[in-house]
Amino acid sequence: MAKNTKSTSSSIASKASEILTNPNSSAIAKSLAGSALSQANTGNQTGAKMESTASKVLQSEKYSEITKELAASVLSQSNKDR
């Protein structure tokens, strides 16, 4: 299985941290933020379930720009074989 060596950038990690500490952030935004942070300088890859969630967020018009930015980051760190 091919390993994806990408990791979360510092700017995305900072935004993810803000989302996780904001009580008004949606559950989906917090989930994506947690995934993005777990991939910051750790070598972790996005799981299949989170890939699906991130893909749905990117295809929907109801999510904010920051939520879509997190989704794109998470999706870019998915397993290359999936």
N, C-alpha and C. Protein backbone atom coordinates (compact mmCIF):
# COMPACT_ATOMS: atom_id res chain seq x y z
N MET A 1 0.84 -1.18 0.00
CA MET A 1 0.00 0.00 0.00
C MET A 1 0.89 1.24 0.00
N ALA A 2 0.63 2.18 -0.88
CA ALA A 2 1.42 3.40 -0.99
C ALA A 2 1.13 4.34 0.17
N LYS A 3 2.16 4.86 0.76
CA LYS A 3 2.03 5.77 1.89
C LYS A 3 2.01 7.21 1.39
N ASN A 4 1.08 8.00 1.88
CA ASN A 4 1.02 9.40 1.54
C ASN A 4 1.84 10.15 2.59
N THR A 5 2.85 10.86 2.18
CA THR A 5 3.74 11.52 3.13
C THR A 5 3.38 12.98 3.38
N LYS A 6 2.27 13.45 2.85
CA LYS A 6 1.85 14.83 3.10
C LYS A 6 1.44 14.99 4.56
N SER A 7 1.59 16.20 5.07
CA SER A 7 1.13 16.49 6.42
C SER A 7 0.43 17.84 6.44
N THR A 8 -0.30 18.11 7.48
CA THR A 8 -1.05 19.34 7.62
C THR A 8 -0.11 20.53 7.76
N SER A 9 -0.37 21.58 7.01
CA SER A 9 0.45 22.79 7.08
C SER A 9 0.21 23.52 8.40
N SER A 10 1.11 24.40 8.75
CA SER A 10 0.95 25.14 10.00
C SER A 10 -0.25 26.08 9.96
N SER A 11 -0.57 26.64 8.80
CA SER A 11 -1.72 27.54 8.72
C SER A 11 -3.04 26.77 8.89
N ILE A 12 -3.12 25.58 8.30
CA ILE A 12 -4.32 24.75 8.47
C ILE A 12 -4.40 24.25 9.92
N ALA A 13 -3.29 23.87 10.49
CA ALA A 13 -3.27 23.41 11.88
C ALA A 13 -3.75 24.52 12.82
N SER A 14 -3.35 25.74 12.54
CA SER A 14 -3.77 26.88 13.35
C SER A 14 -5.29 27.09 13.24
N LYS A 15 -5.81 27.03 12.03
CA LYS A 15 -7.25 27.17 11.82
C LYS A 15 -8.01 26.02 12.47
N ALA A 16 -7.46 24.82 12.38
CA ALA A 16 -8.10 23.65 13.00
C ALA A 16 -8.16 23.82 14.51
N SER A 17 -7.10 24.35 15.09
CA SER A 17 -7.08 24.57 16.53
C SER A 17 -8.14 25.59 16.94
N GLU A 18 -8.30 26.64 16.15
CA GLU A 18 -9.33 27.64 16.44
C GLU A 18 -10.73 27.03 16.38
N ILE A 19 -10.95 26.18 15.41
CA ILE A 19 -12.27 25.53 15.27
C ILE A 19 -12.55 24.64 16.47
N LEU A 20 -11.55 23.89 16.90
CA LEU A 20 -11.77 22.98 18.03
C LEU A 20 -12.03 23.71 19.33
N THR A 21 -11.53 24.93 19.47
CA THR A 21 -11.75 25.68 20.71
C THR A 21 -12.98 26.59 20.64
N ASN A 22 -13.59 26.68 19.47
CA ASN A 22 -14.77 27.52 19.31
C ASN A 22 -16.04 26.71 19.59
N PRO A 23 -16.78 27.08 20.63
CA PRO A 23 -17.99 26.31 20.97
C PRO A 23 -19.08 26.41 19.90
N ASN A 24 -18.98 27.37 18.99
CA ASN A 24 -19.99 27.54 17.95
C ASN A 24 -19.67 26.77 16.67
N SER A 25 -18.52 26.11 16.63
CA SER A 25 -18.15 25.33 15.44
C SER A 25 -19.04 24.10 15.32
N SER A 26 -19.35 23.73 14.09
CA SER A 26 -20.19 22.56 13.86
C SER A 26 -19.43 21.27 14.17
N ALA A 27 -20.18 20.21 14.38
CA ALA A 27 -19.58 18.91 14.67
C ALA A 27 -18.72 18.43 13.50
N ILE A 28 -19.17 18.67 12.29
CA ILE A 28 -18.41 18.22 11.11
C ILE A 28 -17.11 19.00 11.00
N ALA A 29 -17.15 20.31 11.27
CA ALA A 29 -15.94 21.13 11.23
C ALA A 29 -14.95 20.65 12.29
N LYS A 30 -15.46 20.33 13.48
CA LYS A 30 -14.59 19.85 14.55
C LYS A 30 -13.99 18.49 14.21
N SER A 31 -14.76 17.65 13.57
CA SER A 31 -14.27 16.34 13.16
C SER A 31 -13.14 16.48 12.15
N LEU A 32 -13.34 17.33 11.15
CA LEU A 32 -12.31 17.58 10.15
C LEU A 32 -11.08 18.23 10.77
N ALA A 33 -11.31 19.15 11.69
CA ALA A 33 -10.20 19.83 12.37
C ALA A 33 -9.37 18.83 13.18
N GLY A 34 -10.05 17.93 13.87
CA GLY A 34 -9.34 16.91 14.64
C GLY A 34 -8.52 16.01 13.75
N SER A 35 -9.08 15.64 12.61
CA SER A 35 -8.36 14.80 11.66
C SER A 35 -7.13 15.53 11.12
N ALA A 36 -7.32 16.79 10.76
CA ALA A 36 -6.20 17.59 10.22
C ALA A 36 -5.09 17.71 11.26
N LEU A 37 -5.46 17.99 12.51
CA LEU A 37 -4.44 18.12 13.55
C LEU A 37 -3.72 16.80 13.83
N SER A 38 -4.44 15.71 13.72
CA SER A 38 -3.81 14.41 13.97
C SER A 38 -2.80 14.06 12.89
N GLN A 39 -2.85 14.77 11.78
CA GLN A 39 -1.94 14.51 10.67
C GLN A 39 -0.82 15.56 10.56
N ALA A 40 -0.75 16.45 11.52
CA ALA A 40 0.29 17.48 11.51
C ALA A 40 1.59 16.90 12.06
N ASN A 41 2.55 16.72 11.19
CA ASN A 41 3.88 16.24 11.57
C ASN A 41 3.88 14.89 12.27
N THR A 42 2.94 14.01 11.91
CA THR A 42 2.88 12.71 12.57
C THR A 42 3.02 11.54 11.60
N GLY A 43 2.79 11.77 10.32
CA GLY A 43 2.82 10.67 9.36
C GLY A 43 1.52 9.92 9.27
N ASN A 44 0.51 10.33 10.06
CA ASN A 44 -0.80 9.69 9.98
C ASN A 44 -1.47 10.02 8.65
N GLN A 45 -2.33 9.11 8.19
CA GLN A 45 -3.09 9.32 6.97
C GLN A 45 -4.58 9.36 7.29
N THR A 46 -5.33 9.95 6.40
CA THR A 46 -6.79 10.02 6.54
C THR A 46 -7.40 8.64 6.38
N GLY A 47 -8.32 8.30 7.26
CA GLY A 47 -9.02 7.03 7.16
C GLY A 47 -10.12 7.08 6.11
N ALA A 48 -10.62 5.92 5.72
CA ALA A 48 -11.64 5.83 4.67
C ALA A 48 -12.92 6.58 5.03
N LYS A 49 -13.35 6.49 6.28
CA LYS A 49 -14.59 7.16 6.68
C LYS A 49 -14.42 8.68 6.61
N MET A 50 -13.28 9.18 7.05
CA MET A 50 -13.04 10.62 7.00
C MET A 50 -12.87 11.09 5.56
N GLU A 51 -12.30 10.26 4.71
CA GLU A 51 -12.21 10.59 3.28
C GLU A 51 -13.60 10.83 2.71
N SER A 52 -14.52 9.94 3.03
CA SER A 52 -15.88 10.05 2.54
C SER A 52 -16.55 11.32 3.05
N THR A 53 -16.37 11.61 4.33
CA THR A 53 -16.94 12.81 4.93
C THR A 53 -16.38 14.06 4.26
N ALA A 54 -15.07 14.11 4.10
CA ALA A 54 -14.42 15.28 3.49
C ALA A 54 -14.90 15.47 2.05
N SER A 55 -15.07 14.39 1.34
CA SER A 55 -15.54 14.46 -0.04
C SER A 55 -16.95 15.05 -0.11
N LYS A 56 -17.80 14.62 0.80
CA LYS A 56 -19.18 15.13 0.83
C LYS A 56 -19.21 16.62 1.17
N VAL A 57 -18.32 17.04 2.07
CA VAL A 57 -18.25 18.46 2.44
C VAL A 57 -17.86 19.29 1.22
N LEU A 58 -16.88 18.82 0.48
CA LEU A 58 -16.41 19.57 -0.69
C LEU A 58 -17.47 19.65 -1.79
N GLN A 59 -18.36 18.68 -1.85
CA GLN A 59 -19.39 18.67 -2.88
C GLN A 59 -20.64 19.44 -2.50
N SER A 60 -20.72 19.86 -1.25
CA SER A 60 -21.91 20.55 -0.76
C SER A 60 -21.69 22.07 -0.73
N GLU A 61 -22.76 22.79 -0.91
CA GLU A 61 -22.69 24.25 -0.84
C GLU A 61 -23.02 24.78 0.56
N LYS A 62 -23.41 23.91 1.47
CA LYS A 62 -23.87 24.39 2.77
C LYS A 62 -22.75 24.62 3.79
N TYR A 63 -21.53 24.21 3.46
CA TYR A 63 -20.42 24.35 4.41
C TYR A 63 -19.62 25.61 4.16
N SER A 64 -19.04 26.15 5.23
CA SER A 64 -18.24 27.37 5.13
C SER A 64 -16.93 27.12 4.38
N GLU A 65 -16.31 28.19 4.00
CA GLU A 65 -15.05 28.11 3.27
C GLU A 65 -13.97 27.45 4.12
N ILE A 66 -13.93 27.74 5.39
CA ILE A 66 -12.91 27.15 6.27
C ILE A 66 -13.15 25.65 6.44
N THR A 67 -14.40 25.24 6.53
CA THR A 67 -14.71 23.82 6.64
C THR A 67 -14.28 23.10 5.37
N LYS A 68 -14.50 23.72 4.23
CA LYS A 68 -14.06 23.13 2.96
C LYS A 68 -12.54 23.09 2.86
N GLU A 69 -11.88 24.10 3.40
CA GLU A 69 -10.42 24.13 3.39
C GLU A 69 -9.86 22.97 4.22
N LEU A 70 -10.47 22.73 5.37
CA LEU A 70 -10.07 21.59 6.20
C LEU A 70 -10.33 20.28 5.48
N ALA A 71 -11.48 20.18 4.84
CA ALA A 71 -11.84 18.96 4.10
C ALA A 71 -10.82 18.69 2.99
N ALA A 72 -10.43 19.73 2.29
CA ALA A 72 -9.45 19.57 1.21
C ALA A 72 -8.10 19.11 1.76
N SER A 73 -7.70 19.66 2.88
CA SER A 73 -6.44 19.27 3.50
C SER A 73 -6.47 17.81 3.92
N VAL A 74 -7.55 17.42 4.57
CA VAL A 74 -7.72 16.05 5.03
C VAL A 74 -7.74 15.09 3.85
N LEU A 75 -8.44 15.46 2.80
CA LEU A 75 -8.55 14.60 1.63
C LEU A 75 -7.20 14.45 0.90
N SER A 76 -6.40 15.50 0.91
CA SER A 76 -5.10 15.45 0.25
C SER A 76 -4.13 14.51 0.97
N GLN A 77 -4.45 14.18 2.21
CA GLN A 77 -3.60 13.30 3.00
C GLN A 77 -4.13 11.88 3.10
N SER A 78 -5.01 11.54 2.19
CA SER A 78 -5.58 10.19 2.20
C SER A 78 -4.62 9.18 1.60
N ASN A 79 -4.95 7.93 1.79
CA ASN A 79 -4.14 6.84 1.27
C ASN A 79 -4.17 6.86 -0.25
N LYS A 80 -3.02 6.80 -0.87
CA LYS A 80 -2.93 6.91 -2.33
C LYS A 80 -3.58 5.73 -3.06
N ASP A 81 -3.73 4.59 -2.43
CA ASP A 81 -4.30 3.43 -3.08
C ASP A 81 -5.82 3.40 -3.07
N ARG A 82 -6.45 4.28 -2.28
CA ARG A 82 -7.91 4.29 -2.22
C ARG A 82 -8.47 5.18 -3.28
